[in-house]
C-alpha atoms as a PDB file:
ATOM      1  CA  MET A   1      -0.076  -0.121   0.279  1.00  0.00           C
ATOM      2  CA  GLY A   2       3.001   2.308   0.535  1.00  0.00           C
ATOM      3  CA  ASP A   3       3.636   2.256  -3.285  1.00  0.00           C
ATOM      4  CA  SER A   4      -0.072   3.261  -3.893  1.00  0.00           C
ATOM      5  CA  LYS A   5       0.507   6.343  -1.664  1.00  0.00           C
ATOM      6  CA  ARG A   6       3.702   7.300  -3.310  1.00  0.00           C
ATOM      7  CA  ARG A   7       2.257   7.120  -6.703  1.00  0.00           C
ATOM      8  CA  LYS A   8      -0.739   9.108  -5.540  1.00  0.00           C
ATOM      9  CA  GLU A   9       1.702  11.923  -4.206  1.00  0.00           C
ATOM     10  CA  THR A  10       3.790  12.097  -7.573  1.00  0.00           C
ATOM     11  CA  LEU A  11       0.810  12.125  -9.538  1.00  0.00           C
ATOM     12  CA  GLY A  12      -1.248  14.580  -7.816  1.00  0.00           C
ATOM     13  CA  GLU A  13      -4.532  15.286  -9.518  1.00  0.00           C
ATOM     14  CA  LYS A  14      -3.771  12.690 -12.546  1.00  0.00           C
ATOM     15  CA  TYR A  15      -3.902   9.913 -10.017  1.00  0.00           C
ATOM     16  CA  GLY A  16      -6.784   7.266 -11.132  1.00  0.00           C
ATOM     17  CA  GLN A  17      -7.450   8.944 -14.565  1.00  0.00           C
ATOM     18  CA  GLU A  18      -7.171   7.314 -17.638  1.00  0.00           C
ATOM     19  CA  ALA A  19      -3.981   8.096 -19.802  1.00  0.00           C
ATOM     20  CA  ASN A  20      -4.159   9.249 -23.286  1.00  0.00           C
ATOM     21  CA  ILE A  21      -2.685   7.006 -26.174  1.00  0.00           C
ATOM     22  CA  PHE A  22      -0.301   9.514 -27.003  1.00  0.00           C
ATOM     23  CA  PRO A  23       0.464  12.876 -25.166  1.00  0.00           C
ATOM     24  CA  TRP A  24      -0.444  15.024 -28.101  1.00  0.00           C
ATOM     25  CA  LEU A  25      -3.641  13.216 -29.206  1.00  0.00           C
ATOM     26  CA  PRO A  26      -6.525  13.572 -26.645  1.00  0.00           C
ATOM     27  CA  VAL A  27      -7.989  10.180 -27.087  1.00  0.00           C
ATOM     28  CA  LYS A  28      -8.202   7.877 -23.892  1.00  0.00           C
ATOM     29  CA  LYS A  29      -7.425   4.329 -24.178  1.00  0.00           C
ATOM     30  CA  SER A  30     -11.237   3.241 -23.520  1.00  0.00           C
ATOM     31  CA  GLN A  31     -12.148   5.655 -26.350  1.00  0.00           C
ATOM     32  CA  ALA A  32      -9.904   4.037 -28.703  1.00  0.00           C
ATOM     33  CA  GLN A  33     -11.184   0.494 -27.684  1.00  0.00           C
ATOM     34  CA  GLN A  34     -14.643   1.683 -28.379  1.00  0.00           C
ATOM     35  CA  PHE A  35     -13.953   3.071 -31.785  1.00  0.00           C
ATOM     36  CA  VAL A  36     -12.538  -0.355 -32.633  1.00  0.00           C
ATOM     37  CA  SER A  37     -15.590  -1.897 -31.400  1.00  0.00           C
ATOM     38  CA  TRP A  38     -18.063   0.224 -33.517  1.00  0.00           C
ATOM     39  CA  THR A  39     -15.853   0.006 -36.644  1.00  0.00           C
ATOM     40  CA  THR A  40     -15.704  -3.819 -36.470  1.00  0.00           C
ATOM     41  CA  ARG A  41     -19.507  -3.908 -35.855  1.00  0.00           C
ATOM     42  CA  GLY A  42     -20.069  -1.602 -38.853  1.00  0.00           C
ATOM     43  CA  ALA A  43     -17.834  -3.577 -41.139  1.00  0.00           C
ATOM     44  CA  TRP A  44     -19.732  -6.873 -40.228  1.00  0.00           C
ATOM     45  CA  ILE A  45     -22.930  -5.088 -40.878  1.00  0.00           C
ATOM     46  CA  GLY A  46     -21.679  -3.826 -44.231  1.00  0.00           C
ATOM     47  CA  ILE A  47     -20.561  -7.666 -45.039  1.00  0.00           C
ATOM     48  CA  GLY A  48     -24.120  -8.575 -44.288  1.00  0.00           C
ATOM     49  CA  LEU A  49     -25.666  -6.172 -46.442  1.00  0.00           C
ATOM     50  CA  LEU A  50     -23.308  -7.106 -49.385  1.00  0.00           C
ATOM     51  CA  VAL A  51     -24.198 -10.572 -48.905  1.00  0.00           C
ATOM     52  CA  LEU A  52     -27.790  -9.832 -48.709  1.00  0.00           C
ATOM     53  CA  TYR A  53     -27.685  -7.630 -51.881  1.00  0.00           C
ATOM     54  CA  TRP A  54     -25.754 -10.419 -53.878  1.00  0.00           C
ATOM     55  CA  VAL A  55     -28.311 -13.124 -52.925  1.00  0.00           C
ATOM     56  CA  THR A  56     -31.190 -10.752 -54.047  1.00  0.00           C
ATOM     57  CA  VAL A  57     -29.610  -9.864 -57.399  1.00  0.00           C
ATOM     58  CA  ARG A  58     -28.376 -13.390 -58.069  1.00  0.00           C
ATOM     59  CA  PHE A  59     -31.403 -15.489 -56.853  1.00  0.00           C
ATOM     60  CA  ILE A  60     -34.346 -13.720 -55.536  1.00  0.00           C
ATOM     61  CA  GLY A  61     -34.699 -11.173 -58.696  1.00  0.00           C
ATOM     62  CA  PRO A  62     -34.440 -13.987 -61.320  1.00  0.00           C
ATOM     63  CA  ALA A  63     -36.675 -16.396 -59.456  1.00  0.00           C
ATOM     64  CA  LEU A  64     -39.455 -13.752 -59.341  1.00  0.00           C
ATOM     65  CA  GLY A  65     -38.765 -13.084 -63.118  1.00  0.00           C
ATOM     66  CA  LEU A  66     -37.835  -9.324 -62.471  1.00  0.00           C
ATOM     67  CA  TRP A  67     -34.517  -9.787 -64.336  1.00  0.00           C
ATOM     68  CA  GLN A  68     -32.362 -12.456 -65.887  1.00  0.00           C
ATOM     69  CA  VAL A  69     -28.670 -13.143 -64.988  1.00  0.00           C
ATOM     70  CA  ASN A  70     -26.443 -14.231 -68.006  1.00  0.00           C
END
């Protein structure tokens, strides 16, 4: 527990606050992780929509007689 007290004394107000990724970039580590999570989810949604579009163009449209695929 002594080390924790020394760290608290040396850091002062910054003790217990989350650190930035880089000193010149005002983005916290949890914000960066959240960004990665959102972009990964968005990428999977995009892949799913692309597959749905492909299935529609390749199979559903021709099956309903809306167009022909050569």
